Amino acid sequence: MRLIRGRAGGTALTGTLYERGEDAPSFSGAPDEDAPYVWVCDSFYEVESGGQRQRIDGKTVNVAFESPVAHGFETRERAIAGARDHLRTQFARLGVSEADVAIEVVEQEPDAHSGSVP
């Protein structure tokens, strides 16, 4: 299992990459359980009112969250590339340049995962 985190504008978004042999979560819209690599992460966008207030790049924005995104991939390389694209896209939706998003990949032991992503 790998946590893949994007940081930009003073905040972060973290998703989880479940790898071959690990039990990815199952929920409506989850990818085919035969996919060897499954990426799960929130999606969000800026709204004029409502949502959750978040401080990004020194300004306060209202952020609305969508259902978690789950994608299946055939290779680890494609899964990590897809995760990077997803994270950059989420920050771009809030007006943060994709080039300003720092991404880190952290390998986790499956039993060290408490069921929630930091």
Protein backbone atom coordinates (compact mmCIF):
# COMPACT_ATOMS: atom_id res chain seq x y z
CA MET A 1 0.00 0.00 0.00
CA ARG A 2 1.24 3.47 -0.84
CA LEU A 3 -0.02 6.84 0.30
CA ILE A 4 0.36 9.42 -2.43
CA ARG A 5 0.12 12.99 -1.22
CA GLY A 6 -0.02 16.28 -3.09
CA ARG A 7 0.96 19.47 -1.24
CA ALA A 8 0.34 22.99 -2.49
CA GLY A 9 -0.90 26.34 -1.24
CA GLY A 10 -0.41 25.36 2.41
CA THR A 11 -2.60 22.25 2.36
CA ALA A 12 -2.43 18.62 1.26
CA LEU A 13 -4.56 15.89 -0.28
CA THR A 14 -3.70 12.22 0.25
CA GLY A 15 -5.00 9.16 -1.55
CA THR A 16 -4.25 5.46 -1.19
CA LEU A 17 -2.84 3.11 -3.80
CA TYR A 18 -3.71 -0.51 -3.03
CA GLU A 19 -1.34 -2.93 -4.69
CA ARG A 20 -1.53 -6.47 -5.98
CA GLY A 21 -2.61 -8.82 -3.20
CA GLU A 22 -4.00 -6.09 -0.92
CA ASP A 23 -7.70 -5.69 -0.22
CA ALA A 24 -8.91 -2.45 -1.79
CA PRO A 25 -12.15 -1.05 -0.36
CA SER A 26 -15.34 -2.08 -2.10
CA PHE A 27 -18.11 0.45 -2.62
CA SER A 28 -20.44 1.61 -5.34
CA GLY A 29 -18.33 2.74 -8.29
CA ALA A 30 -15.18 0.94 -7.14
CA PRO A 31 -13.14 -0.57 -9.97
CA ASP A 32 -13.27 -4.20 -10.98
CA GLU A 33 -11.78 -6.22 -8.15
CA ASP A 34 -9.52 -7.92 -10.70
CA ALA A 35 -7.50 -4.70 -11.14
CA PRO A 36 -4.05 -5.32 -9.61
CA TYR A 37 -3.61 -1.65 -8.56
CA VAL A 38 -6.44 0.51 -7.21
CA TRP A 39 -6.14 4.25 -6.53
CA VAL A 40 -8.72 5.82 -4.17
CA CYS A 41 -8.83 9.54 -3.43
CA ASP A 42 -11.26 12.38 -2.80
CA SER A 43 -12.15 14.89 -5.47
CA PHE A 44 -13.02 18.50 -4.76
CA TYR A 45 -13.70 21.82 -6.41
CA GLU A 46 -14.25 25.46 -5.46
CA VAL A 47 -17.82 26.72 -4.89
CA GLU A 48 -19.09 30.26 -4.34
CA SER A 49 -20.97 29.40 -1.15
CA GLY A 50 -21.41 26.41 1.10
CA GLY A 51 -18.84 23.65 1.20
CA GLN A 52 -15.93 23.63 3.61
CA ARG A 53 -13.79 26.73 4.08
CA GLN A 54 -10.13 26.07 3.30
CA ARG A 55 -7.09 28.37 3.28
CA ILE A 56 -5.17 27.92 0.00
CA ASP A 57 -2.31 30.16 -1.14
CA GLY A 58 -3.22 32.80 1.43
CA LYS A 59 -6.87 33.10 0.48
CA THR A 60 -9.98 31.44 1.89
CA VAL A 61 -11.99 29.36 -0.57
CA ASN A 62 -15.12 27.25 -0.19
CA VAL A 63 -14.45 23.67 -1.21
CA ALA A 64 -17.07 21.03 -2.05
CA PHE A 65 -16.11 17.36 -2.02
CA GLU A 66 -17.29 14.70 -4.43
CA SER A 67 -17.48 10.98 -3.77
CA PRO A 68 -14.05 9.33 -3.61
CA VAL A 69 -12.54 8.45 -6.95
CA ALA A 70 -11.47 4.84 -7.43
CA HIS A 71 -9.52 3.77 -10.49
CA GLY A 72 -8.05 0.40 -11.40
CA PHE A 73 -4.68 0.13 -13.18
CA GLU A 74 -2.70 -2.73 -14.67
CA THR A 75 0.77 -1.56 -13.54
CA ARG A 76 2.22 0.28 -10.56
CA GLU A 77 3.80 2.87 -12.86
CA ARG A 78 0.47 3.70 -14.49
CA ALA A 79 -1.26 3.82 -11.11
CA ILE A 80 1.28 6.27 -9.68
CA ALA A 81 1.11 8.41 -12.83
CA GLY A 82 -2.70 8.40 -12.60
CA ALA A 83 -2.52 9.37 -8.92
CA ARG A 84 -0.15 12.25 -9.69
CA ASP A 85 -2.46 13.51 -12.44
CA HIS A 86 -5.47 13.25 -10.14
CA LEU A 87 -3.79 15.23 -7.34
CA ARG A 88 -2.57 17.96 -9.68
CA THR A 89 -6.05 18.24 -11.21
CA GLN A 90 -7.70 18.68 -7.79
CA PHE A 91 -5.41 21.58 -6.91
CA ALA A 92 -5.88 23.12 -10.36
CA ARG A 93 -9.64 23.11 -9.67
CA LEU A 94 -8.86 25.48 -6.77
CA GLY A 95 -6.68 27.77 -8.88
CA VAL A 96 -3.29 26.32 -7.88
CA SER A 97 -0.86 25.79 -10.74
CA GLU A 98 -0.22 22.11 -11.42
CA ALA A 99 3.51 22.92 -11.43
CA ASP A 100 3.24 24.10 -7.80
CA VAL A 101 1.96 20.74 -6.52
CA ALA A 102 4.66 18.73 -4.73
CA ILE A 103 3.89 15.02 -4.71
CA GLU A 104 5.29 12.39 -2.39
CA VAL A 105 4.82 8.62 -2.41
CA VAL A 106 4.99 6.91 0.98
CA GLU A 107 5.04 3.13 1.24
CA GLN A 108 2.90 1.79 4.10
CA GLU A 109 2.65 -1.63 5.64
CA PRO A 110 -0.98 -2.83 5.24
CA ASP A 111 -1.36 -3.56 8.96
CA ALA A 112 -0.10 -0.05 9.83
CA HIS A 113 -3.09 1.45 8.00
CA SER A 114 -5.84 2.25 10.48
CA GLY A 115 -8.62 2.38 7.93
CA SER A 116 -8.33 6.10 7.33
CA VAL A 117 -5.97 8.08 5.17
CA PRO A 118 -4.16 10.95 6.91
